[in-house]
């Protein structure tokens, strides 16, 4: 599901609660975000978000709430202190976004989102330092894992670069060009080794 693709919306860190799983003993944070909506950024969302945004803005009564019966699965999230900050405050992977609802007060429409993440030291620090503040966030879907066979083939292809026989490889196709230099070749090699270990 497309969710603020390639944009960085502002949100209010509305709150966070921690609970303990009875079976596993894991401590889980539930984080609540309230995203301030703009037309330009909503256009980077799935049609269901766009439809609800259009609908809530056309209602005569200006204090409204709409539930959105969808979940946004397996997102990667990067949180930033400013809209143009180069480095994220926190990086999270494989987060499901749930309990979506849209509200409007006067002319301001907002999207409320919840997620749950396992507690770590970095998440605890993030909550302590930034709860009840305004931040910016980037969303992107988790990329599917590449198979060990594909990675092995890519490793063989890049072996000459890693060995220093050539300085780089250039691969073109479908209107795109990829350049593999020594650093990229080393990354491919390490990823391929990890995939082999995982397979066995």
C-alpha atoms as a PDB file:
ATOM      1  CA  UNK A   1       0.000   0.000   0.000  1.00  0.00           C
ATOM      2  CA  UNK A   2       1.383   3.404  -0.981  1.00  0.00           C
ATOM      3  CA  UNK A   3       1.764   5.555   2.124  1.00  0.00           C
ATOM      4  CA  UNK A   4       3.395   9.009   1.852  1.00  0.00           C
ATOM      5  CA  UNK A   5       5.727   7.643  -0.797  1.00  0.00           C
ATOM      6  CA  UNK A   6       8.866   9.776  -1.325  1.00  0.00           C
ATOM      7  CA  UNK A   7       7.694  12.600   0.978  1.00  0.00           C
ATOM      8  CA  UNK A   8       8.420  13.494   4.606  1.00  0.00           C
ATOM      9  CA  UNK A   9       5.216  14.576   6.414  1.00  0.00           C
ATOM     10  CA  UNK A  10       5.169  16.361   9.749  1.00  0.00           C
ATOM     11  CA  UNK A  11       3.502  14.640  12.697  1.00  0.00           C
ATOM     12  CA  UNK A  12       2.771  15.191  16.369  1.00  0.00           C
ATOM     13  CA  UNK A  13       4.138  12.461  18.653  1.00  0.00           C
ATOM     14  CA  UNK A  14       0.862  12.100  20.537  1.00  0.00           C
ATOM     15  CA  UNK A  15       1.914   9.487  23.065  1.00  0.00           C
ATOM     16  CA  UNK A  16       3.480   6.107  23.836  1.00  0.00           C
ATOM     17  CA  UNK A  17       2.618   3.294  26.219  1.00  0.00           C
ATOM     18  CA  UNK A  18       4.648   0.242  27.139  1.00  0.00           C
ATOM     19  CA  UNK A  19       3.240  -3.182  27.986  1.00  0.00           C
ATOM     20  CA  UNK A  20       4.675  -6.601  28.729  1.00  0.00           C
ATOM     21  CA  UNK A  21       3.702  -9.703  26.758  1.00  0.00           C
ATOM     22  CA  UNK A  22       2.574 -12.387  29.206  1.00  0.00           C
ATOM     23  CA  UNK A  23       3.843 -15.354  27.169  1.00  0.00           C
ATOM     24  CA  UNK A  24       7.203 -14.027  25.968  1.00  0.00           C
ATOM     25  CA  UNK A  25       8.010 -11.361  28.532  1.00  0.00           C
ATOM     26  CA  UNK A  26       8.781  -8.932  25.712  1.00  0.00           C
ATOM     27  CA  UNK A  27       8.182  -5.251  26.403  1.00  0.00           C
ATOM     28  CA  UNK A  28       6.236  -3.601  23.579  1.00  0.00           C
ATOM     29  CA  UNK A  29       5.805   0.108  22.888  1.00  0.00           C
ATOM     30  CA  UNK A  30       2.584   1.339  21.332  1.00  0.00           C
ATOM     31  CA  UNK A  31       3.289   4.637  19.612  1.00  0.00           C
ATOM     32  CA  UNK A  32       0.621   7.117  18.481  1.00  0.00           C
ATOM     33  CA  UNK A  33       1.320   9.566  15.653  1.00  0.00           C
ATOM     34  CA  UNK A  34      -0.904  12.340  14.328  1.00  0.00           C
ATOM     35  CA  UNK A  35       0.128  13.324  10.804  1.00  0.00           C
ATOM     36  CA  UNK A  36      -0.795  16.803   9.593  1.00  0.00           C
ATOM     37  CA  UNK A  37      -2.257  16.377   6.107  1.00  0.00           C
ATOM     38  CA  UNK A  38      -1.621  18.490   3.034  1.00  0.00           C
ATOM     39  CA  UNK A  39      -2.937  17.976  -0.494  1.00  0.00           C
ATOM     40  CA  UNK A  40       0.542  17.539  -1.985  1.00  0.00           C
ATOM     41  CA  UNK A  41       1.510  14.820   0.490  1.00  0.00           C
ATOM     42  CA  UNK A  42      -1.851  12.990   0.407  1.00  0.00           C
ATOM     43  CA  UNK A  43      -1.337  12.530  -3.343  1.00  0.00           C
ATOM     44  CA  UNK A  44       1.563  10.255  -2.399  1.00  0.00           C
ATOM     45  CA  UNK A  45      -0.805   7.897  -0.543  1.00  0.00           C
ATOM     46  CA  UNK A  46      -3.044   5.029  -1.583  1.00  0.00           C
ATOM     47  CA  UNK A  47      -6.464   5.831  -3.036  1.00  0.00           C
ATOM     48  CA  UNK A  48      -8.260   4.918   0.220  1.00  0.00           C
ATOM     49  CA  UNK A  49      -6.421   7.706   2.071  1.00  0.00           C
ATOM     50  CA  UNK A  50      -7.059  10.168  -0.764  1.00  0.00           C
ATOM     51  CA  UNK A  51     -10.799   9.360  -0.828  1.00  0.00           C
ATOM     52  CA  UNK A  52     -11.204   9.848   2.918  1.00  0.00           C
ATOM     53  CA  UNK A  53      -9.241  13.103   2.805  1.00  0.00           C
ATOM     54  CA  UNK A  54     -11.451  14.461   0.020  1.00  0.00           C
ATOM     55  CA  UNK A  55     -14.571  13.344   1.883  1.00  0.00           C
ATOM     56  CA  UNK A  56     -13.688  14.848   5.260  1.00  0.00           C
ATOM     57  CA  UNK A  57     -12.891  18.221   3.654  1.00  0.00           C
ATOM     58  CA  UNK A  58     -16.311  18.360   1.973  1.00  0.00           C
ATOM     59  CA  UNK A  59     -18.348  17.743   5.139  1.00  0.00           C
ATOM     60  CA  UNK A  60     -20.293  20.767   6.365  1.00  0.00           C
ATOM     61  CA  UNK A  61     -19.715  20.090  10.047  1.00  0.00           C
ATOM     62  CA  UNK A  62     -16.124  21.006  10.822  1.00  0.00           C
ATOM     63  CA  UNK A  63     -15.400  18.671  13.735  1.00  0.00           C
ATOM     64  CA  UNK A  64     -15.405  15.272  12.081  1.00  0.00           C
ATOM     65  CA  UNK A  65     -13.798  11.856  12.389  1.00  0.00           C
ATOM     66  CA  UNK A  66     -13.578   9.008   9.866  1.00  0.00           C
ATOM     67  CA  UNK A  67     -12.287   5.515  10.591  1.00  0.00           C
ATOM     68  CA  UNK A  68     -10.158   3.954   7.845  1.00  0.00           C
ATOM     69  CA  UNK A  69     -10.457   0.166   7.826  1.00  0.00           C
ATOM     70  CA  UNK A  70      -7.010  -0.634   6.475  1.00  0.00           C
ATOM     71  CA  UNK A  71      -3.626  -1.637   7.830  1.00  0.00           C
ATOM     72  CA  UNK A  72      -0.372  -0.472   6.264  1.00  0.00           C
ATOM     73  CA  UNK A  73       1.877  -3.538   6.610  1.00  0.00           C
ATOM     74  CA  UNK A  74       5.641  -3.863   7.000  1.00  0.00           C
ATOM     75  CA  UNK A  75       6.899  -0.317   6.742  1.00  0.00           C
ATOM     76  CA  UNK A  76      10.382   1.055   7.279  1.00  0.00           C
ATOM     77  CA  UNK A  77      10.247   4.328   9.255  1.00  0.00           C
ATOM     78  CA  UNK A  78      12.860   7.039   9.664  1.00  0.00           C
ATOM     79  CA  UNK A  79      12.160   9.861  12.133  1.00  0.00           C
ATOM     80  CA  UNK A  80      13.746  13.310  11.741  1.00  0.00           C
ATOM     81  CA  UNK A  81      14.012  16.410  13.916  1.00  0.00           C
ATOM     82  CA  UNK A  82      13.486  18.724  10.913  1.00  0.00           C
ATOM     83  CA  UNK A  83      12.012  18.446   7.439  1.00  0.00           C
ATOM     84  CA  UNK A  84      15.453  18.690   5.844  1.00  0.00           C
ATOM     85  CA  UNK A  85      17.518  16.863   8.495  1.00  0.00           C
ATOM     86  CA  UNK A  86      20.022  14.548   6.771  1.00  0.00           C
ATOM     87  CA  UNK A  87      20.290  12.007   9.610  1.00  0.00           C
ATOM     88  CA  UNK A  88      17.341  10.237  11.249  1.00  0.00           C
ATOM     89  CA  UNK A  89      16.773  10.274  14.989  1.00  0.00           C
ATOM     90  CA  UNK A  90      15.482   6.698  14.856  1.00  0.00           C
ATOM     91  CA  UNK A  91      15.258   3.964  12.221  1.00  0.00           C
ATOM     92  CA  UNK A  92      12.612   1.219  12.521  1.00  0.00           C
ATOM     93  CA  UNK A  93      11.921  -1.762  10.267  1.00  0.00           C
ATOM     94  CA  UNK A  94       8.918  -4.031   9.704  1.00  0.00           C
ATOM     95  CA  UNK A  95       6.317  -1.889  11.450  1.00  0.00           C
ATOM     96  CA  UNK A  96       2.604  -2.451  10.812  1.00  0.00           C
ATOM     97  CA  UNK A  97       0.593   0.777  10.927  1.00  0.00           C
ATOM     98  CA  UNK A  98      -2.869   0.218  12.397  1.00  0.00           C
ATOM     99  CA  UNK A  99      -5.995   1.955  13.750  1.00  0.00           C
ATOM    100  CA  UNK A 100      -5.946   4.615  11.050  1.00  0.00           C
ATOM    101  CA  UNK A 101      -8.489   7.384  11.459  1.00  0.00           C
ATOM    102  CA  UNK A 102      -8.839  10.833  10.011  1.00  0.00           C
ATOM    103  CA  UNK A 103     -10.011  13.900  11.909  1.00  0.00           C
ATOM    104  CA  UNK A 104     -10.785  17.467  10.967  1.00  0.00           C
ATOM    105  CA  UNK A 105     -11.023  20.507  13.194  1.00  0.00           C
ATOM    106  CA  UNK A 106     -11.865  23.691  11.275  1.00  0.00           C
ATOM    107  CA  UNK A 107      -9.646  23.560   8.177  1.00  0.00           C
ATOM    108  CA  UNK A 108      -6.985  21.198   9.556  1.00  0.00           C
ATOM    109  CA  UNK A 109      -7.209  17.498   8.671  1.00  0.00           C
ATOM    110  CA  UNK A 110      -5.012  14.947  10.437  1.00  0.00           C
ATOM    111  CA  UNK A 111      -4.350  11.226  10.110  1.00  0.00           C
ATOM    112  CA  UNK A 112      -3.982   9.250  13.346  1.00  0.00           C
ATOM    113  CA  UNK A 113      -1.768   6.153  13.184  1.00  0.00           C
ATOM    114  CA  UNK A 114      -0.672   3.542  15.730  1.00  0.00           C
ATOM    115  CA  UNK A 115       2.176   1.060  15.657  1.00  0.00           C
ATOM    116  CA  UNK A 116       3.772  -1.408  18.053  1.00  0.00           C
ATOM    117  CA  UNK A 117       7.512  -2.077  18.324  1.00  0.00           C
ATOM    118  CA  UNK A 118       9.623  -4.166  20.658  1.00  0.00           C
ATOM    119  CA  UNK A 119      11.325  -2.053  23.307  1.00  0.00           C
ATOM    120  CA  UNK A 120      15.032  -1.288  22.915  1.00  0.00           C
ATOM    121  CA  UNK A 121      17.310   1.259  24.521  1.00  0.00           C
ATOM    122  CA  UNK A 122      17.204   3.495  21.446  1.00  0.00           C
ATOM    123  CA  UNK A 123      13.392   3.446  21.327  1.00  0.00           C
ATOM    124  CA  UNK A 124      13.143   4.241  25.054  1.00  0.00           C
ATOM    125  CA  UNK A 125      15.492   7.205  24.575  1.00  0.00           C
ATOM    126  CA  UNK A 126      13.513   8.358  21.541  1.00  0.00           C
ATOM    127  CA  UNK A 127      10.226   8.281  23.471  1.00  0.00           C
ATOM    128  CA  UNK A 128      11.721  10.066  26.484  1.00  0.00           C
ATOM    129  CA  UNK A 129      13.293  12.822  24.346  1.00  0.00           C
ATOM    130  CA  UNK A 130      10.567  13.414  21.764  1.00  0.00           C
ATOM    131  CA  UNK A 131       7.103  12.426  23.025  1.00  0.00           C
ATOM    132  CA  UNK A 132       4.608  15.328  22.747  1.00  0.00           C
ATOM    133  CA  UNK A 133       6.753  17.120  20.152  1.00  0.00           C
ATOM    134  CA  UNK A 134       6.484  17.664  16.404  1.00  0.00           C
ATOM    135  CA  UNK A 135       8.782  15.646  14.151  1.00  0.00           C
ATOM    136  CA  UNK A 136       8.986  14.495  10.538  1.00  0.00           C
ATOM    137  CA  UNK A 137       8.824  10.920   9.272  1.00  0.00           C
ATOM    138  CA  UNK A 138       9.570   8.962   6.096  1.00  0.00           C
ATOM    139  CA  UNK A 139       7.745   5.737   5.248  1.00  0.00           C
ATOM    140  CA  UNK A 140       8.698   3.076   2.740  1.00  0.00           C
ATOM    141  CA  UNK A 141       7.673  -0.560   2.347  1.00  0.00           C
ATOM    142  CA  UNK A 142      10.060  -3.329   3.376  1.00  0.00           C
ATOM    143  CA  UNK A 143      11.873  -4.602   0.308  1.00  0.00           C
ATOM    144  CA  UNK A 144      11.578  -8.345  -0.385  1.00  0.00           C
ATOM    145  CA  UNK A 145      14.690 -10.291   0.497  1.00  0.00           C
ATOM    146  CA  UNK A 146      16.846 -11.350  -2.437  1.00  0.00           C
ATOM    147  CA  UNK A 147      17.387 -15.091  -2.798  1.00  0.00           C
ATOM    148  CA  UNK A 148      20.734 -16.720  -2.084  1.00  0.00           C
ATOM    149  CA  UNK A 149      21.008 -17.842  -5.731  1.00  0.00           C
ATOM    150  CA  UNK A 150      20.568 -14.313  -7.070  1.00  0.00           C
ATOM    151  CA  UNK A 151      23.074 -12.921  -4.581  1.00  0.00           C
ATOM    152  CA  UNK A 152      25.609 -15.617  -5.456  1.00  0.00           C
ATOM    153  CA  UNK A 153      25.304 -14.716  -9.139  1.00  0.00           C
ATOM    154  CA  UNK A 154      25.717 -11.009  -8.343  1.00  0.00           C
ATOM    155  CA  UNK A 155      28.766 -11.838  -6.200  1.00  0.00           C
ATOM    156  CA  UNK A 156      30.377 -13.749  -9.080  1.00  0.00           C
ATOM    157  CA  UNK A 157      29.633 -10.855 -11.432  1.00  0.00           C
ATOM    158  CA  UNK A 158      31.249  -8.338  -9.081  1.00  0.00           C
ATOM    159  CA  UNK A 159      34.227 -10.552  -8.161  1.00  0.00           C
ATOM    160  CA  UNK A 160      36.538  -8.906 -10.708  1.00  0.00           C
ATOM    161  CA  UNK A 161      35.860  -5.493  -9.144  1.00  0.00           C
ATOM    162  CA  UNK A 162      36.443  -6.820  -5.641  1.00  0.00           C
ATOM    163  CA  UNK A 163      39.712  -8.421  -6.744  1.00  0.00           C
ATOM    164  CA  UNK A 164      40.906  -5.170  -8.311  1.00  0.00           C
ATOM    165  CA  UNK A 165      41.018  -6.549 -11.860  1.00  0.00           C
ATOM    166  CA  UNK A 166      38.694  -3.757 -13.010  1.00  0.00           C
ATOM    167  CA  UNK A 167      37.798  -0.523 -11.231  1.00  0.00           C
ATOM    168  CA  UNK A 168      34.024  -0.807 -11.738  1.00  0.00           C
ATOM    169  CA  UNK A 169      31.226  -2.460 -13.681  1.00  0.00           C
ATOM    170  CA  UNK A 170      28.404  -0.592 -15.386  1.00  0.00           C
ATOM    171  CA  UNK A 171      25.104  -2.403 -15.995  1.00  0.00           C
ATOM    172  CA  UNK A 172      22.325  -0.786 -18.028  1.00  0.00           C
ATOM    173  CA  UNK A 173      18.802  -1.921 -18.729  1.00  0.00           C
ATOM    174  CA  UNK A 174      15.161  -0.812 -18.635  1.00  0.00           C
ATOM    175  CA  UNK A 175      16.253   2.822 -18.718  1.00  0.00           C
ATOM    176  CA  UNK A 176      18.417   2.517 -15.594  1.00  0.00           C
ATOM    177  CA  UNK A 177      22.179   2.341 -15.068  1.00  0.00           C
ATOM    178  CA  UNK A 178      23.883   0.727 -12.064  1.00  0.00           C
ATOM    179  CA  UNK A 179      27.570   1.215 -11.311  1.00  0.00           C
ATOM    180  CA  UNK A 180      29.313  -1.356  -9.115  1.00  0.00           C
ATOM    181  CA  UNK A 181      32.557  -0.016  -7.625  1.00  0.00           C
ATOM    182  CA  UNK A 182      34.832  -1.756  -5.112  1.00  0.00           C
ATOM    183  CA  UNK A 183      32.776  -0.644  -2.095  1.00  0.00           C
ATOM    184  CA  UNK A 184      29.546  -1.892  -3.680  1.00  0.00           C
ATOM    185  CA  UNK A 185      31.232  -5.169  -4.666  1.00  0.00           C
ATOM    186  CA  UNK A 186      32.302  -5.722  -1.052  1.00  0.00           C
ATOM    187  CA  UNK A 187      28.737  -5.091   0.145  1.00  0.00           C
ATOM    188  CA  UNK A 188      27.379  -7.590  -2.395  1.00  0.00           C
ATOM    189  CA  UNK A 189      29.963 -10.159  -1.253  1.00  0.00           C
ATOM    190  CA  UNK A 190      29.093  -9.757   2.435  1.00  0.00           C
ATOM    191  CA  UNK A 191      25.348  -9.945   1.715  1.00  0.00           C
ATOM    192  CA  UNK A 192      25.841 -13.085  -0.387  1.00  0.00           C
ATOM    193  CA  UNK A 193      27.882 -14.709   2.407  1.00  0.00           C
ATOM    194  CA  UNK A 194      25.170 -13.887   4.951  1.00  0.00           C
ATOM    195  CA  UNK A 195      22.506 -15.354   2.641  1.00  0.00           C
ATOM    196  CA  UNK A 196      24.515 -18.585   2.291  1.00  0.00           C
ATOM    197  CA  UNK A 197      24.853 -18.897   6.066  1.00  0.00           C
ATOM    198  CA  UNK A 198      21.130 -18.267   6.503  1.00  0.00           C
ATOM    199  CA  UNK A 199      20.283 -20.913   3.890  1.00  0.00           C
ATOM    200  CA  UNK A 200      22.343 -23.556   5.697  1.00  0.00           C
END
